[in-house]
């Protein structure tokens, strides 16, 4: 059994840096963000440029750059993004506390590989 990846700590150590990652597109989903629908993309098996696993999964907001790729499940992509901190609010009915988390923003140089 592989050790659990501490994605939050890895991304925290990269806060405010622009990094290049590779990931496999799994699916898209619509979420509510401040009451408005927003399309997010789920990527699996996230690695850095050296091939080190930095996350088992990562959600990224959809952009025109991703849409231009006409993504299909299983497509492997390479792109850059800035690691930013955000506040994660629990869903309605969820008793988990408000948390600080990290995500990739401003994706660019998106290519299928």
C-alpha atoms as a PDB file:
ATOM      1  CA  UNK A   1       0.000   0.000   0.000  1.00  0.00           C
ATOM      2  CA  UNK A   2       1.336   3.425  -1.005  1.00  0.00           C
ATOM      3  CA  UNK A   3       1.620   6.157   1.631  1.00  0.00           C
ATOM      4  CA  UNK A   4      -1.112   8.822   1.548  1.00  0.00           C
ATOM      5  CA  UNK A   5      -0.157  11.957  -0.345  1.00  0.00           C
ATOM      6  CA  UNK A   6      -0.493  15.103   1.769  1.00  0.00           C
ATOM      7  CA  UNK A   7      -1.677  17.304  -1.084  1.00  0.00           C
ATOM      8  CA  UNK A   8      -2.497  20.238   1.172  1.00  0.00           C
ATOM      9  CA  UNK A   9       1.029  20.388   2.615  1.00  0.00           C
ATOM     10  CA  UNK A  10       2.662  19.973  -0.811  1.00  0.00           C
ATOM     11  CA  UNK A  11       0.575  22.765  -2.343  1.00  0.00           C
ATOM     12  CA  UNK A  12       1.024  24.951   0.760  1.00  0.00           C
ATOM     13  CA  UNK A  13       4.801  24.736   0.271  1.00  0.00           C
ATOM     14  CA  UNK A  14       4.311  25.944  -3.321  1.00  0.00           C
ATOM     15  CA  UNK A  15       1.920  28.813  -2.456  1.00  0.00           C
ATOM     16  CA  UNK A  16       2.058  31.762  -4.875  1.00  0.00           C
ATOM     17  CA  UNK A  17       4.356  29.875  -7.262  1.00  0.00           C
ATOM     18  CA  UNK A  18       3.488  29.039 -10.843  1.00  0.00           C
ATOM     19  CA  UNK A  19       4.084  25.329 -11.404  1.00  0.00           C
ATOM     20  CA  UNK A  20       3.815  22.957 -14.345  1.00  0.00           C
ATOM     21  CA  UNK A  21       1.792  19.812 -13.767  1.00  0.00           C
ATOM     22  CA  UNK A  22       0.598  16.778 -15.673  1.00  0.00           C
ATOM     23  CA  UNK A  23      -2.723  15.107 -14.958  1.00  0.00           C
ATOM     24  CA  UNK A  24      -5.344  12.816 -16.458  1.00  0.00           C
ATOM     25  CA  UNK A  25      -8.763  14.342 -17.137  1.00  0.00           C
ATOM     26  CA  UNK A  26     -11.534  12.397 -15.399  1.00  0.00           C
ATOM     27  CA  UNK A  27     -14.753  14.428 -15.664  1.00  0.00           C
ATOM     28  CA  UNK A  28     -16.293  17.872 -15.356  1.00  0.00           C
ATOM     29  CA  UNK A  29     -18.884  19.007 -12.868  1.00  0.00           C
ATOM     30  CA  UNK A  30     -20.999  22.085 -12.203  1.00  0.00           C
ATOM     31  CA  UNK A  31     -20.673  23.548  -8.723  1.00  0.00           C
ATOM     32  CA  UNK A  32     -22.211  26.592  -7.094  1.00  0.00           C
ATOM     33  CA  UNK A  33     -19.741  29.343  -6.346  1.00  0.00           C
ATOM     34  CA  UNK A  34     -21.253  32.246  -4.415  1.00  0.00           C
ATOM     35  CA  UNK A  35     -24.664  31.219  -5.765  1.00  0.00           C
ATOM     36  CA  UNK A  36     -23.578  30.992  -9.405  1.00  0.00           C
ATOM     37  CA  UNK A  37     -22.880  27.831 -11.418  1.00  0.00           C
ATOM     38  CA  UNK A  38     -19.240  27.217 -12.268  1.00  0.00           C
ATOM     39  CA  UNK A  39     -17.739  24.412 -14.369  1.00  0.00           C
ATOM     40  CA  UNK A  40     -14.849  22.560 -12.760  1.00  0.00           C
ATOM     41  CA  UNK A  41     -12.610  19.857 -14.188  1.00  0.00           C
ATOM     42  CA  UNK A  42     -11.320  16.901 -12.176  1.00  0.00           C
ATOM     43  CA  UNK A  43      -7.813  15.666 -12.931  1.00  0.00           C
ATOM     44  CA  UNK A  44      -6.236  12.526 -11.471  1.00  0.00           C
ATOM     45  CA  UNK A  45      -2.646  11.414 -10.829  1.00  0.00           C
ATOM     46  CA  UNK A  46      -1.135  14.898 -10.662  1.00  0.00           C
ATOM     47  CA  UNK A  47       2.642  15.044 -11.092  1.00  0.00           C
ATOM     48  CA  UNK A  48       5.185  17.847 -11.244  1.00  0.00           C
ATOM     49  CA  UNK A  49       7.788  18.340 -13.988  1.00  0.00           C
ATOM     50  CA  UNK A  50      10.107  15.779 -12.385  1.00  0.00           C
ATOM     51  CA  UNK A  51       7.342  13.152 -12.274  1.00  0.00           C
ATOM     52  CA  UNK A  52       6.799  13.402  -8.513  1.00  0.00           C
ATOM     53  CA  UNK A  53       3.207  12.785  -7.439  1.00  0.00           C
ATOM     54  CA  UNK A  54       1.854  15.932  -5.799  1.00  0.00           C
ATOM     55  CA  UNK A  55      -1.850  14.997  -5.644  1.00  0.00           C
ATOM     56  CA  UNK A  56      -4.110  12.032  -6.321  1.00  0.00           C
ATOM     57  CA  UNK A  57      -6.706  14.469  -7.691  1.00  0.00           C
ATOM     58  CA  UNK A  58      -7.178  18.173  -8.299  1.00  0.00           C
ATOM     59  CA  UNK A  59     -10.150  20.285  -9.394  1.00  0.00           C
ATOM     60  CA  UNK A  60      -9.465  23.239 -11.663  1.00  0.00           C
ATOM     61  CA  UNK A  61     -11.908  25.867 -12.909  1.00  0.00           C
ATOM     62  CA  UNK A  62     -12.663  25.418 -16.595  1.00  0.00           C
ATOM     63  CA  UNK A  63     -11.296  28.066 -18.960  1.00  0.00           C
ATOM     64  CA  UNK A  64     -11.381  28.733 -22.697  1.00  0.00           C
ATOM     65  CA  UNK A  65      -7.952  27.098 -22.856  1.00  0.00           C
ATOM     66  CA  UNK A  66      -9.334  23.830 -21.491  1.00  0.00           C
ATOM     67  CA  UNK A  67     -12.464  24.067 -23.631  1.00  0.00           C
ATOM     68  CA  UNK A  68     -10.291  24.409 -26.753  1.00  0.00           C
ATOM     69  CA  UNK A  69      -8.790  20.989 -25.953  1.00  0.00           C
ATOM     70  CA  UNK A  70     -12.199  19.263 -26.337  1.00  0.00           C
ATOM     71  CA  UNK A  71     -11.396  17.034 -23.379  1.00  0.00           C
ATOM     72  CA  UNK A  72     -12.387  13.401 -23.184  1.00  0.00           C
ATOM     73  CA  UNK A  73     -12.075  11.120 -20.186  1.00  0.00           C
ATOM     74  CA  UNK A  74      -8.532   9.748 -20.012  1.00  0.00           C
ATOM     75  CA  UNK A  75      -6.871  12.642 -21.870  1.00  0.00           C
ATOM     76  CA  UNK A  76      -3.503  13.472 -20.342  1.00  0.00           C
ATOM     77  CA  UNK A  77      -2.709  17.182 -20.103  1.00  0.00           C
ATOM     78  CA  UNK A  78       0.241  19.328 -19.170  1.00  0.00           C
ATOM     79  CA  UNK A  79      -0.327  22.901 -18.012  1.00  0.00           C
ATOM     80  CA  UNK A  80       0.909  25.662 -15.747  1.00  0.00           C
ATOM     81  CA  UNK A  81      -1.028  27.200 -12.883  1.00  0.00           C
ATOM     82  CA  UNK A  82      -0.479  29.414  -9.886  1.00  0.00           C
ATOM     83  CA  UNK A  83      -0.905  27.782  -6.470  1.00  0.00           C
ATOM     84  CA  UNK A  84      -3.289  29.933  -4.449  1.00  0.00           C
ATOM     85  CA  UNK A  85      -4.891  29.670  -1.023  1.00  0.00           C
ATOM     86  CA  UNK A  86      -8.668  29.689  -0.655  1.00  0.00           C
ATOM     87  CA  UNK A  87     -11.268  29.172   2.051  1.00  0.00           C
ATOM     88  CA  UNK A  88     -13.313  25.994   1.735  1.00  0.00           C
ATOM     89  CA  UNK A  89     -16.834  26.299   3.090  1.00  0.00           C
ATOM     90  CA  UNK A  90     -18.755  23.116   3.899  1.00  0.00           C
ATOM     91  CA  UNK A  91     -21.798  22.202   1.805  1.00  0.00           C
ATOM     92  CA  UNK A  92     -25.224  22.784   3.311  1.00  0.00           C
ATOM     93  CA  UNK A  93     -25.877  20.093   5.910  1.00  0.00           C
ATOM     94  CA  UNK A  94     -22.164  19.234   6.146  1.00  0.00           C
ATOM     95  CA  UNK A  95     -20.849  19.572   9.696  1.00  0.00           C
ATOM     96  CA  UNK A  96     -17.177  19.897   8.709  1.00  0.00           C
ATOM     97  CA  UNK A  97     -15.501  23.175   9.743  1.00  0.00           C
ATOM     98  CA  UNK A  98     -14.441  25.952   7.385  1.00  0.00           C
ATOM     99  CA  UNK A  99     -10.931  25.099   6.128  1.00  0.00           C
ATOM    100  CA  UNK A 100      -8.023  26.685   4.303  1.00  0.00           C
ATOM    101  CA  UNK A 101      -7.054  24.793   1.168  1.00  0.00           C
ATOM    102  CA  UNK A 102      -4.968  25.289  -1.974  1.00  0.00           C
ATOM    103  CA  UNK A 103      -5.782  25.166  -5.679  1.00  0.00           C
ATOM    104  CA  UNK A 104      -4.350  25.980  -9.090  1.00  0.00           C
ATOM    105  CA  UNK A 105      -5.518  29.189 -10.735  1.00  0.00           C
ATOM    106  CA  UNK A 106      -4.736  30.995 -13.989  1.00  0.00           C
ATOM    107  CA  UNK A 107      -4.084  27.830 -16.019  1.00  0.00           C
ATOM    108  CA  UNK A 108      -2.066  28.454 -19.177  1.00  0.00           C
ATOM    109  CA  UNK A 109       0.071  26.667 -21.755  1.00  0.00           C
ATOM    110  CA  UNK A 110      -2.466  23.826 -21.776  1.00  0.00           C
ATOM    111  CA  UNK A 111      -1.482  20.935 -24.048  1.00  0.00           C
ATOM    112  CA  UNK A 112      -2.527  17.324 -24.518  1.00  0.00           C
ATOM    113  CA  UNK A 113       0.348  14.893 -24.248  1.00  0.00           C
END
